Amino acid sequence: SLGSFGHGSKAPFSLSAIRSIFYLTKIKSESKIETRFQGKSILQSHTE
């Protein structure tokens, strides 16, 4: 594969002003199309 070290997924975070990415994907699941959405933010440990 062109990218296979697992680090490339961090590249978009370097360009984000809030260190956050939102993923939206549609995949084939059995006989239907499944939609998935997830936000991910890489900040730092803090008080919840």
ModelCIF file with pLDDT and N, C-alpha, C, O atoms, coordinates in Angstrom:
data_MODEL
#
_entry.id   MODEL 
#
_entity.id                         1 
_entity.type                       polymer 
_entity.pdbx_number_of_molecules   1 
#
_entity_poly.entity_id                      1 
_entity_poly.type                           'polypeptide(L)' 
_entity_poly.nstd_linkage                   no 
_entity_poly.nstd_monomer                   no 
_entity_poly.pdbx_seq_one_letter_code       SLGSFGHGSKAPFSLSAIRSIFYLTKIKSESKIETRFQGKSILQSHTE 
_entity_poly.pdbx_seq_one_letter_code_can   SLGSFGHGSKAPFSLSAIRSIFYLTKIKSESKIETRFQGKSILQSHTE 
_entity_poly.pdbx_strand_id                 A 
#
loop_
_entity_poly_seq.entity_id 
_entity_poly_seq.num 
_entity_poly_seq.mon_id 
_entity_poly_seq.hetero 
1 1  SER n 
1 2  LEU n 
1 3  GLY n 
1 4  SER n 
1 5  PHE n 
1 6  GLY n 
1 7  HIS n 
1 8  GLY n 
1 9  SER n 
1 10 LYS n 
1 11 ALA n 
1 12 PRO n 
1 13 PHE n 
1 14 SER n 
1 15 LEU n 
1 16 SER n 
1 17 ALA n 
1 18 ILE n 
1 19 ARG n 
1 20 SER n 
1 21 ILE n 
1 22 PHE n 
1 23 TYR n 
1 24 LEU n 
1 25 THR n 
1 26 LYS n 
1 27 ILE n 
1 28 LYS n 
1 29 SER n 
1 30 GLU n 
1 31 SER n 
1 32 LYS n 
1 33 ILE n 
1 34 GLU n 
1 35 THR n 
1 36 ARG n 
1 37 PHE n 
1 38 GLN n 
1 39 GLY n 
1 40 LYS n 
1 41 SER n 
1 42 ILE n 
1 43 LEU n 
1 44 GLN n 
1 45 SER n 
1 46 HIS n 
1 47 THR n 
1 48 GLU n 
#
_struct_asym.id          A 
_struct_asym.entity_id   1 
#
loop_
_ma_qa_metric.id 
_ma_qa_metric.mode 
_ma_qa_metric.name 
_ma_qa_metric.software_group_id 
_ma_qa_metric.type 
1 global pLDDT . pLDDT 
2 local  pLDDT . pLDDT 
#
_ma_qa_metric_global.metric_id      1 
_ma_qa_metric_global.metric_value   86.73 
_ma_qa_metric_global.model_id       1 
_ma_qa_metric_global.ordinal_id     1 
#
loop_
_ma_qa_metric_local.label_asym_id 
_ma_qa_metric_local.label_comp_id 
_ma_qa_metric_local.label_seq_id 
_ma_qa_metric_local.metric_id 
_ma_qa_metric_local.metric_value 
_ma_qa_metric_local.model_id 
_ma_qa_metric_local.ordinal_id 
A SER 1  2 49.00 1 1  
A LEU 2  2 48.00 1 2  
A GLY 3  2 48.00 1 3  
A SER 4  2 43.00 1 4  
A PHE 5  2 45.00 1 5  
A GLY 6  2 56.00 1 6  
A HIS 7  2 69.00 1 7  
A GLY 8  2 82.00 1 8  
A SER 9  2 86.00 1 9  
A LYS 10 2 91.00 1 10 
A ALA 11 2 92.00 1 11 
A PRO 12 2 93.00 1 12 
A PHE 13 2 94.00 1 13 
A SER 14 2 93.00 1 14 
A LEU 15 2 92.00 1 15 
A SER 16 2 95.00 1 16 
A ALA 17 2 94.00 1 17 
A ILE 18 2 96.00 1 18 
A ARG 19 2 96.00 1 19 
A SER 20 2 96.00 1 20 
A ILE 21 2 96.00 1 21 
A PHE 22 2 96.00 1 22 
A TYR 23 2 95.00 1 23 
A LEU 24 2 95.00 1 24 
A THR 25 2 94.00 1 25 
A LYS 26 2 93.00 1 26 
A ILE 27 2 92.00 1 27 
A LYS 28 2 87.00 1 28 
A SER 29 2 81.00 1 29 
A GLU 30 2 79.00 1 30 
A SER 31 2 81.00 1 31 
A LYS 32 2 90.00 1 32 
A ILE 33 2 92.00 1 33 
A GLU 34 2 92.00 1 34 
A THR 35 2 94.00 1 35 
A ARG 36 2 94.00 1 36 
A PHE 37 2 95.00 1 37 
A GLN 38 2 95.00 1 38 
A GLY 39 2 96.00 1 39 
A LYS 40 2 97.00 1 40 
A SER 41 2 97.00 1 41 
A ILE 42 2 97.00 1 42 
A LEU 43 2 97.00 1 43 
A GLN 44 2 97.00 1 44 
A SER 45 2 97.00 1 45 
A HIS 46 2 97.00 1 46 
A THR 47 2 96.00 1 47 
A GLU 48 2 93.00 1 48 
#
loop_
_atom_site.group_PDB 
_atom_site.id 
_atom_site.type_symbol 
_atom_site.label_atom_id 
_atom_site.label_alt_id 
_atom_site.label_comp_id 
_atom_site.label_asym_id 
_atom_site.label_entity_id 
_atom_site.label_seq_id 
_atom_site.pdbx_PDB_ins_code 
_atom_site.Cartn_x 
_atom_site.Cartn_y 
_atom_site.Cartn_z 
_atom_site.occupancy 
_atom_site.B_iso_or_equiv 
_atom_site.pdbx_formal_charge 
_atom_site.auth_seq_id 
_atom_site.auth_comp_id 
_atom_site.auth_asym_id 
_atom_site.auth_atom_id 
_atom_site.pdbx_PDB_model_num 
ATOM 1   N N  . SER A 1 1  ? 0.836   -1.189 0.000  1.00 49.00 ? 1  SER A N  1 
ATOM 2   C CA . SER A 1 1  ? 0.000   0.000  0.000  1.00 49.00 ? 1  SER A CA 1 
ATOM 3   C C  . SER A 1 1  ? 0.877   1.248  0.000  1.00 49.00 ? 1  SER A C  1 
ATOM 4   O O  . SER A 1 1  ? 2.041   1.204  0.398  1.00 49.00 ? 1  SER A O  1 
ATOM 5   N N  . LEU A 1 2  ? 0.298   2.364  -0.454 1.00 48.00 ? 2  LEU A N  1 
ATOM 6   C CA . LEU A 1 2  ? 1.056   3.606  -0.534 1.00 48.00 ? 2  LEU A CA 1 
ATOM 7   C C  . LEU A 1 2  ? 1.377   4.157  0.851  1.00 48.00 ? 2  LEU A C  1 
ATOM 8   O O  . LEU A 1 2  ? 2.440   4.743  1.054  1.00 48.00 ? 2  LEU A O  1 
ATOM 9   N N  . GLY A 1 3  ? 0.481   3.978  1.785  1.00 48.00 ? 3  GLY A N  1 
ATOM 10  C CA . GLY A 1 3  ? 0.724   4.432  3.148  1.00 48.00 ? 3  GLY A CA 1 
ATOM 11  C C  . GLY A 1 3  ? 0.441   3.297  4.100  1.00 48.00 ? 3  GLY A C  1 
ATOM 12  O O  . GLY A 1 3  ? -0.677  2.781  4.113  1.00 48.00 ? 3  GLY A O  1 
ATOM 13  N N  . SER A 1 4  ? 1.414   2.886  4.904  1.00 43.00 ? 4  SER A N  1 
ATOM 14  C CA . SER A 1 4  ? 1.191   1.685  5.712  1.00 43.00 ? 4  SER A CA 1 
ATOM 15  C C  . SER A 1 4  ? 1.833   1.731  7.094  1.00 43.00 ? 4  SER A C  1 
ATOM 16  O O  . SER A 1 4  ? 2.054   0.685  7.704  1.00 43.00 ? 4  SER A O  1 
ATOM 17  N N  . PHE A 1 5  ? 2.140   2.939  7.602  1.00 45.00 ? 5  PHE A N  1 
ATOM 18  C CA . PHE A 1 5  ? 2.778   3.028  8.908  1.00 45.00 ? 5  PHE A CA 1 
ATOM 19  C C  . PHE A 1 5  ? 1.835   3.522  10.003 1.00 45.00 ? 5  PHE A C  1 
ATOM 20  O O  . PHE A 1 5  ? 2.209   3.530  11.176 1.00 45.00 ? 5  PHE A O  1 
ATOM 21  N N  . GLY A 1 6  ? 0.624   3.933  9.640  1.00 56.00 ? 6  GLY A N  1 
ATOM 22  C CA . GLY A 1 6  ? -0.348  4.325  10.644 1.00 56.00 ? 6  GLY A CA 1 
ATOM 23  C C  . GLY A 1 6  ? -0.206  5.744  11.155 1.00 56.00 ? 6  GLY A C  1 
ATOM 24  O O  . GLY A 1 6  ? -0.918  6.123  12.085 1.00 56.00 ? 6  GLY A O  1 
ATOM 25  N N  . HIS A 1 7  ? 0.705   6.563  10.575 1.00 69.00 ? 7  HIS A N  1 
ATOM 26  C CA . HIS A 1 7  ? 0.897   7.922  11.055 1.00 69.00 ? 7  HIS A CA 1 
ATOM 27  C C  . HIS A 1 7  ? 0.158   8.952  10.200 1.00 69.00 ? 7  HIS A C  1 
ATOM 28  O O  . HIS A 1 7  ? -0.119  10.056 10.669 1.00 69.00 ? 7  HIS A O  1 
ATOM 29  N N  . GLY A 1 8  ? -0.158  8.611  8.971  1.00 82.00 ? 8  GLY A N  1 
ATOM 30  C CA . GLY A 1 8  ? -0.761  9.572  8.050  1.00 82.00 ? 8  GLY A CA 1 
ATOM 31  C C  . GLY A 1 8  ? -2.102  10.106 8.503  1.00 82.00 ? 8  GLY A C  1 
ATOM 32  O O  . GLY A 1 8  ? -2.502  11.197 8.098  1.00 82.00 ? 8  GLY A O  1 
ATOM 33  N N  . SER A 1 9  ? -2.809  9.349  9.345  1.00 86.00 ? 9  SER A N  1 
ATOM 34  C CA . SER A 1 9  ? -4.120  9.806  9.810  1.00 86.00 ? 9  SER A CA 1 
ATOM 35  C C  . SER A 1 9  ? -4.010  11.062 10.664 1.00 86.00 ? 9  SER A C  1 
ATOM 36  O O  . SER A 1 9  ? -5.007  11.749 10.885 1.00 86.00 ? 9  SER A O  1 
ATOM 37  N N  . LYS A 1 10 ? -2.794  11.373 11.151 1.00 91.00 ? 10 LYS A N  1 
ATOM 38  C CA . LYS A 1 10 ? -2.610  12.565 11.983 1.00 91.00 ? 10 LYS A CA 1 
ATOM 39  C C  . LYS A 1 10 ? -2.390  13.829 11.146 1.00 91.00 ? 10 LYS A C  1 
ATOM 40  O O  . LYS A 1 10 ? -2.477  14.936 11.677 1.00 91.00 ? 10 LYS A O  1 
ATOM 41  N N  . ALA A 1 11 ? -2.106  13.681 9.848  1.00 92.00 ? 11 ALA A N  1 
ATOM 42  C CA . ALA A 1 11 ? -1.807  14.850 9.017  1.00 92.00 ? 11 ALA A CA 1 
ATOM 43  C C  . ALA A 1 11 ? -2.924  15.898 9.034  1.00 92.00 ? 11 ALA A C  1 
ATOM 44  O O  . ALA A 1 11 ? -2.615  17.084 9.151  1.00 92.00 ? 11 ALA A O  1 
ATOM 45  N N  . PRO A 1 12 ? -4.207  15.524 8.922  1.00 93.00 ? 12 PRO A N  1 
ATOM 46  C CA . PRO A 1 12 ? -5.255  16.553 8.940  1.00 93.00 ? 12 PRO A CA 1 
ATOM 47  C C  . PRO A 1 12 ? -5.316  17.335 10.244 1.00 93.00 ? 12 PRO A C  1 
ATOM 48  O O  . PRO A 1 12 ? -5.705  18.503 10.240 1.00 93.00 ? 12 PRO A O  1 
ATOM 49  N N  . PHE A 1 13 ? -4.942  16.719 11.356 1.00 94.00 ? 13 PHE A N  1 
ATOM 50  C CA . PHE A 1 13 ? -5.003  17.418 12.641 1.00 94.00 ? 13 PHE A CA 1 
ATOM 51  C C  . PHE A 1 13 ? -4.010  18.570 12.695 1.00 94.00 ? 13 PHE A C  1 
ATOM 52  O O  . PHE A 1 13 ? -4.233  19.548 13.408 1.00 94.00 ? 13 PHE A O  1 
ATOM 53  N N  . SER A 1 14 ? -2.905  18.463 11.941 1.00 93.00 ? 14 SER A N  1 
ATOM 54  C CA . SER A 1 14 ? -1.907  19.528 11.952 1.00 93.00 ? 14 SER A CA 1 
ATOM 55  C C  . SER A 1 14 ? -2.426  20.794 11.276 1.00 93.00 ? 14 SER A C  1 
ATOM 56  O O  . SER A 1 14 ? -1.877  21.877 11.479 1.00 93.00 ? 14 SER A O  1 
ATOM 57  N N  . LEU A 1 15 ? -3.481  20.661 10.472 1.00 92.00 ? 15 LEU A N  1 
ATOM 58  C CA . LEU A 1 15 ? -4.036  21.802 9.742  1.00 92.00 ? 15 LEU A CA 1 
ATOM 59  C C  . LEU A 1 15 ? -5.282  22.367 10.416 1.00 92.00 ? 15 LEU A C  1 
ATOM 60  O O  . LEU A 1 15 ? -5.799  23.400 9.990  1.00 92.00 ? 15 LEU A O  1 
ATOM 61  N N  . SER A 1 16 ? -5.765  21.713 11.447 1.00 95.00 ? 16 SER A N  1 
ATOM 62  C CA . SER A 1 16 ? -7.012  22.118 12.096 1.00 95.00 ? 16 SER A CA 1 
ATOM 63  C C  . SER A 1 16 ? -6.752  23.109 13.221 1.00 95.00 ? 16 SER A C  1 
ATOM 64  O O  . SER A 1 16 ? -5.881  22.888 14.062 1.00 95.00 ? 16 SER A O  1 
ATOM 65  N N  . ALA A 1 17 ? -7.504  24.192 13.234 1.00 94.00 ? 17 ALA A N  1 
ATOM 66  C CA . ALA A 1 17 ? -7.362  25.216 14.278 1.00 94.00 ? 17 ALA A CA 1 
ATOM 67  C C  . ALA A 1 17 ? -7.962  24.766 15.603 1.00 94.00 ? 17 ALA A C  1 
ATOM 68  O O  . ALA A 1 17 ? -7.736  25.402 16.632 1.00 94.00 ? 17 ALA A O  1 
ATOM 69  N N  . ILE A 1 18 ? -8.731  23.668 15.589 1.00 96.00 ? 18 ILE A N  1 
ATOM 70  C CA . ILE A 1 18 ? -9.278  23.131 16.837 1.00 96.00 ? 18 ILE A CA 1 
ATOM 71  C C  . ILE A 1 18 ? -8.883  21.663 17.016 1.00 96.00 ? 18 ILE A C  1 
ATOM 72  O O  . ILE A 1 18 ? -9.481  20.949 17.821 1.00 96.00 ? 18 ILE A O  1 
ATOM 73  N N  . ARG A 1 19 ? -7.877  21.219 16.264 1.00 96.00 ? 19 ARG A N  1 
ATOM 74  C CA . ARG A 1 19 ? -7.335  19.854 16.366 1.00 96.00 ? 19 ARG A CA 1 
ATOM 75  C C  . ARG A 1 19 ? -8.441  18.800 16.311 1.00 96.00 ? 19 ARG A C  1 
ATOM 76  O O  . ARG A 1 19 ? -8.431  17.840 17.081 1.00 96.00 ? 19 ARG A O  1 
ATOM 77  N N  . SER A 1 20 ? -9.388  18.986 15.400 1.00 96.00 ? 20 SER A N  1 
ATOM 78  C CA . SER A 1 20 ? -10.548 18.090 15.348 1.00 96.00 ? 20 SER A CA 1 
ATOM 79  C C  . SER A 1 20 ? -10.901 17.752 13.907 1.00 96.00 ? 20 SER A C  1 
ATOM 80  O O  . SER A 1 20 ? -10.810 18.590 13.010 1.00 96.00 ? 20 SER A O  1 
ATOM 81  N N  . ILE A 1 21 ? -11.305 16.502 13.712 1.00 96.00 ? 21 ILE A N  1 
ATOM 82  C CA . ILE A 1 21 ? -11.692 15.987 12.404 1.00 96.00 ? 21 ILE A CA 1 
ATOM 83  C C  . ILE A 1 21 ? -13.037 15.283 12.549 1.00 96.00 ? 21 ILE A C  1 
ATOM 84  O O  . ILE A 1 21 ? -13.325 14.683 13.585 1.00 96.00 ? 21 ILE A O  1 
ATOM 85  N N  . PHE A 1 22 ? -13.858 15.362 11.502 1.00 96.00 ? 22 PHE A N  1 
ATOM 86  C CA . PHE A 1 22 ? -15.128 14.635 11.488 1.00 96.00 ? 22 PHE A CA 1 
ATOM 87  C C  . PHE A 1 22 ? -15.135 13.686 10.291 1.00 96.00 ? 22 PHE A C  1 
ATOM 88  O O  . PHE A 1 22 ? -14.873 14.088 9.157  1.00 96.00 ? 22 PHE A O  1 
ATOM 89  N N  . TYR A 1 23 ? -15.436 12.431 10.567 1.00 95.00 ? 23 TYR A N  1 
ATOM 90  C CA . TYR A 1 23 ? -15.425 11.390 9.533  1.00 95.00 ? 23 TYR A CA 1 
ATOM 91  C C  . TYR A 1 23 ? -16.863 10.995 9.191  1.00 95.00 ? 23 TYR A C  1 
ATOM 92  O O  . TYR A 1 23 ? -17.676 10.732 10.077 1.00 95.00 ? 23 TYR A O  1 
ATOM 93  N N  . LEU A 1 24 ? -17.157 10.959 7.899  1.00 95.00 ? 24 LEU A N  1 
ATOM 94  C CA . LEU A 1 24 ? -18.452 10.480 7.411  1.00 95.00 ? 24 LEU A CA 1 
ATOM 95  C C  . LEU A 1 24 ? -18.172 9.476  6.302  1.00 95.00 ? 24 LEU A C  1 
ATOM 96  O O  . LEU A 1 24 ? -17.478 9.793  5.335  1.00 95.00 ? 24 LEU A O  1 
ATOM 97  N N  . THR A 1 25 ? -18.700 8.282  6.434  1.00 94.00 ? 25 THR A N  1 
ATOM 98  C CA . THR A 1 25 ? -18.449 7.261  5.423  1.00 94.00 ? 25 THR A CA 1 
ATOM 99  C C  . THR A 1 25 ? -19.708 6.447  5.178  1.00 94.00 ? 25 THR A C  1 
ATOM 100 O O  . THR A 1 25 ? -20.553 6.307  6.062  1.00 94.00 ? 25 THR A O  1 
ATOM 101 N N  . LYS A 1 26 ? -19.822 5.917  3.983  1.00 93.00 ? 26 LYS A N  1 
ATOM 102 C CA . LYS A 1 26 ? -20.908 5.003  3.637  1.00 93.00 ? 26 LYS A CA 1 
ATOM 103 C C  . LYS A 1 26 ? -20.286 3.712  3.128  1.00 93.00 ? 26 LYS A C  1 
ATOM 104 O O  . LYS A 1 26 ? -19.439 3.732  2.235  1.00 93.00 ? 26 LYS A O  1 
ATOM 105 N N  . ILE A 1 27 ? -20.709 2.589  3.700  1.00 92.00 ? 27 ILE A N  1 
ATOM 106 C CA . ILE A 1 27 ? -20.151 1.298  3.318  1.00 92.00 ? 27 ILE A CA 1 
ATOM 107 C C  . ILE A 1 27 ? -21.276 0.321  3.020  1.00 92.00 ? 27 ILE A C  1 
ATOM 108 O O  . ILE A 1 27 ? -22.413 0.497  3.458  1.00 92.00 ? 27 ILE A O  1 
ATOM 109 N N  . LYS A 1 28 ? -20.931 -0.709 2.268  1.00 87.00 ? 28 LYS A N  1 
ATOM 110 C CA . LYS A 1 28 ? -21.894 -1.766 1.999  1.00 87.00 ? 28 LYS A CA 1 
ATOM 111 C C  . LYS A 1 28 ? -21.916 -2.724 3.183  1.00 87.00 ? 28 LYS A C  1 
ATOM 112 O O  . LYS A 1 28 ? -20.885 -3.280 3.561  1.00 87.00 ? 28 LYS A O  1 
ATOM 113 N N  . SER A 1 29 ? -23.086 -2.910 3.758  1.00 81.00 ? 29 SER A N  1 
ATOM 114 C CA . SER A 1 29 ? -23.254 -3.805 4.898  1.00 81.00 ? 29 SER A CA 1 
ATOM 115 C C  . SER A 1 29 ? -24.374 -4.775 4.570  1.00 81.00 ? 29 SER A C  1 
ATOM 116 O O  . SER A 1 29 ? -25.553 -4.424 4.618  1.00 81.00 ? 29 SER A O  1 
ATOM 117 N N  . GLU A 1 30 ? -23.992 -5.998 4.236  1.00 79.00 ? 30 GLU A N  1 
ATOM 118 C CA . GLU A 1 30 ? -24.948 -7.012 3.766  1.00 79.00 ? 30 GLU A CA 1 
ATOM 119 C C  . GLU A 1 30 ? -25.670 -6.470 2.540  1.00 79.00 ? 30 GLU A C  1 
ATOM 120 O O  . GLU A 1 30 ? -25.032 -6.244 1.511  1.00 79.00 ? 30 GLU A O  1 
ATOM 121 N N  . SER A 1 31 ? -26.973 -6.255 2.616  1.00 81.00 ? 31 SER A N  1 
ATOM 122 C CA . SER A 1 31 ? -27.715 -5.823 1.424  1.00 81.00 ? 31 SER A CA 1 
ATOM 123 C C  . SER A 1 31 ? -28.094 -4.346 1.484  1.00 81.00 ? 31 SER A C  1 
ATOM 124 O O  . SER A 1 31 ? -28.912 -3.880 0.690  1.00 81.00 ? 31 SER A O  1 
ATOM 125 N N  . LYS A 1 32 ? -27.503 -3.612 2.421  1.00 90.00 ? 32 LYS A N  1 
ATOM 126 C CA . LYS A 1 32 ? -27.860 -2.200 2.559  1.00 90.00 ? 32 LYS A CA 1 
ATOM 127 C C  . LYS A 1 32 ? -26.606 -1.332 2.655  1.00 90.00 ? 32 LYS A C  1 
ATOM 128 O O  . LYS A 1 32 ? -25.487 -1.834 2.757  1.00 90.00 ? 32 LYS A O  1 
ATOM 129 N N  . ILE A 1 33 ? -26.822 -0.032 2.621  1.00 92.00 ? 33 ILE A N  1 
ATOM 130 C CA . ILE A 1 33 ? -25.749 0.932  2.778  1.00 92.00 ? 33 ILE A CA 1 
ATOM 131 C C  . ILE A 1 33 ? -25.777 1.447  4.219  1.00 92.00 ? 33 ILE A C  1 
ATOM 132 O O  . ILE A 1 33 ? -26.799 1.949  4.687  1.00 92.00 ? 33 ILE A O  1 
ATOM 133 N N  . GLU A 1 34 ? -24.648 1.317  4.911  1.00 92.00 ? 34 GLU A N  1 
ATOM 134 C CA . GLU A 1 34 ? -24.543 1.786  6.291  1.00 92.00 ? 34 GLU A CA 1 
ATOM 135 C C  . GLU A 1 34 ? -23.783 3.108  6.317  1.00 92.00 ? 34 GLU A C  1 
ATOM 136 O O  . GLU A 1 34 ? -22.727 3.236  5.698  1.00 92.00 ? 34 GLU A O  1 
ATOM 137 N N  . THR A 1 35 ? -24.326 4.089  7.037  1.00 94.00 ? 35 THR A N  1 
ATOM 138 C CA . THR A 1 35 ? -23.685 5.394  7.178  1.00 94.00 ? 35 THR A CA 1 
ATOM 139 C C  . THR A 1 35 ? -23.072 5.513  8.566  1.00 94.00 ? 35 THR A C  1 
ATOM 140 O O  . THR A 1 35 ? -23.718 5.198  9.566  1.00 94.00 ? 35 THR A O  1 
ATOM 141 N N  . ARG A 1 36 ? -21.830 5.965  8.623  1.00 94.00 ? 36 ARG A N  1 
ATOM 142 C CA . ARG A 1 36 ? -21.138 6.136  9.901  1.00 94.00 ? 36 ARG A CA 1 
ATOM 143 C C  . ARG A 1 36 ? -20.626 7.574  10.010 1.00 94.00 ? 36 ARG A C  1 
ATOM 144 O O  . ARG A 1 36 ? -20.137 8.147  9.037  1.00 94.00 ? 36 ARG A O  1 
ATOM 145 N N  . PHE A 1 37 ? -20.746 8.138  11.196 1.00 95.00 ? 37 PHE A N  1 
ATOM 146 C CA . PHE A 1 37 ? -20.239 9.493  11.451 1.00 95.00 ? 37 PHE A CA 1 
ATOM 147 C C  . PHE A 1 37 ? -19.583 9.518  12.818 1.00 95.00 ? 37 PHE A C  1 
ATOM 148 O O  . PHE A 1 37 ? -20.120 8.964  13.777 1.00 95.00 ? 37 PHE A O  1 
ATOM 149 N N  . GLN A 1 38 ? -18.410 10.163 12.917 1.00 95.00 ? 38 GLN A N  1 
ATOM 150 C CA . GLN A 1 38 ? -17.684 10.228 14.183 1.00 95.00 ? 38 GLN A CA 1 
ATOM 151 C C  . GLN A 1 38 ? -16.778 11.450 14.182 1.00 95.00 ? 38 GLN A C  1 
ATOM 152 O O  . GLN A 1 38 ? -16.103 11.728 13.191 1.00 95.00 ? 38 GLN A O  1 
ATOM 153 N N  . GLY A 1 39 ? -16.765 12.172 15.283 1.00 96.00 ? 39 GLY A N  1 
ATOM 154 C CA . GLY A 1 39 ? -15.821 13.258 15.458 1.00 96.00 ? 39 GLY A CA 1 
ATOM 155 C C  . GLY A 1 39 ? -14.654 12.794 16.315 1.00 96.00 ? 39 GLY A C  1 
ATOM 156 O O  . GLY A 1 39 ? -14.830 11.948 17.192 1.00 96.00 ? 39 GLY A O  1 
ATOM 157 N N  . LYS A 1 40 ? -13.473 13.331 16.075 1.00 97.00 ? 40 LYS A N  1 
ATOM 158 C CA . LYS A 1 40 ? -12.286 12.974 16.851 1.00 97.00 ? 40 LYS A CA 1 
ATOM 159 C C  . LYS A 1 40 ? -11.467 14.232 17.099 1.00 97.00 ? 40 LYS A C  1 
ATOM 160 O O  . LYS A 1 40 ? -11.201 15.000 16.174 1.00 97.00 ? 40 LYS A O  1 
ATOM 161 N N  . SER A 1 41 ? -11.069 14.440 18.351 1.00 97.00 ? 41 SER A N  1 
ATOM 162 C CA . SER A 1 41 ? -10.307 15.619 18.718 1.00 97.00 ? 41 SER A CA 1 
ATOM 163 C C  . SER A 1 41 ? -9.079  15.201 19.517 1.00 97.00 ? 41 SER A C  1 
ATOM 164 O O  . SER A 1 41 ? -9.191  14.475 20.504 1.00 97.00 ? 41 SER A O  1 
ATOM 165 N N  . ILE A 1 42 ? -7.911  15.660 19.088 1.00 97.00 ? 42 ILE A N  1 
ATOM 166 C CA . ILE A 1 42 ? -6.663  15.352 19.789 1.00 97.00 ? 42 ILE A CA 1 
ATOM 167 C C  . ILE A 1 42 ? -6.191  16.631 20.476 1.00 97.00 ? 42 ILE A C  1 
ATOM 168 O O  . ILE A 1 42 ? -5.564  17.477 19.839 1.00 97.00 ? 42 ILE A O  1 
ATOM 169 N N  . LEU A 1 43 ? -6.478  16.778 21.742 1.00 97.00 ? 43 LEU A N  1 
ATOM 170 C CA . LEU A 1 43 ? -6.103  17.963 22.504 1.00 97.00 ? 43 LEU A CA 1 
ATOM 171 C C  . LEU A 1 43 ? -5.018  17.595 23.516 1.00 97.00 ? 43 LEU A C  1 
ATOM 172 O O  . LEU A 1 43 ? -3.851  17.444 23.153 1.00 97.00 ? 43 LEU A O  1 
ATOM 173 N N  . GLN A 1 44 ? -5.406  17.450 24.786 1.00 97.00 ? 44 GLN A N  1 
ATOM 174 C CA . GLN A 1 44 ? -4.493  17.003 25.828 1.00 97.00 ? 44 GLN A CA 1 
ATOM 175 C C  . GLN A 1 44 ? -5.329  16.617 27.039 1.00 97.00 ? 44 GLN A C  1 
ATOM 176 O O  . GLN A 1 44 ? -6.518  16.929 27.100 1.00 97.00 ? 44 GLN A O  1 
ATOM 177 N N  . SER A 1 45 ? -4.723  15.951 27.986 1.00 97.00 ? 45 SER A N  1 
ATOM 178 C CA . SER A 1 45 ? -5.443  15.591 29.202 1.00 97.00 ? 45 SER A CA 1 
ATOM 179 C C  . SER A 1 45 ? -5.887  16.864 29.921 1.00 97.00 ? 45 SER A C  1 
ATOM 180 O O  . SER A 1 45 ? -5.150  17.847 29.985 1.00 97.00 ? 45 SER A O  1 
ATOM 181 N N  . HIS A 1 46 ? -7.101  16.824 30.456 1.00 97.00 ? 46 HIS A N  1 
ATOM 182 C CA . HIS A 1 46 ? -7.642  17.990 31.156 1.00 97.00 ? 46 HIS A CA 1 
ATOM 183 C C  . HIS A 1 46 ? -8.685  17.525 32.167 1.00 97.00 ? 46 HIS A C  1 
ATOM 184 O O  . HIS A 1 46 ? -9.011  16.339 32.230 1.00 97.00 ? 46 HIS A O  1 
ATOM 185 N N  . THR A 1 47 ? -9.191  18.436 32.933 1.00 96.00 ? 47 THR A N  1 
ATOM 186 C CA . THR A 1 47 ? -10.211 18.104 33.925 1.00 96.00 ? 47 THR A CA 1 
ATOM 187 C C  . THR A 1 47 ? -11.560 18.014 33.236 1.00 96.00 ? 47 THR A C  1 
ATOM 188 O O  . THR A 1 47 ? -12.014 18.985 32.630 1.00 96.00 ? 47 THR A O  1 
ATOM 189 N N  . GLU A 1 48 ? -12.195 16.877 33.322 1.00 93.00 ? 48 GLU A N  1 
ATOM 190 C CA . GLU A 1 48 ? -13.497 16.667 32.683 1.00 93.00 ? 48 GLU A CA 1 
ATOM 191 C C  . GLU A 1 48 ? -14.511 17.609 33.333 1.00 93.00 ? 48 GLU A C  1 
ATOM 192 O O  . GLU A 1 48 ? -15.682 17.610 32.955 1.00 93.00 ? 48 GLU A O  1 
#
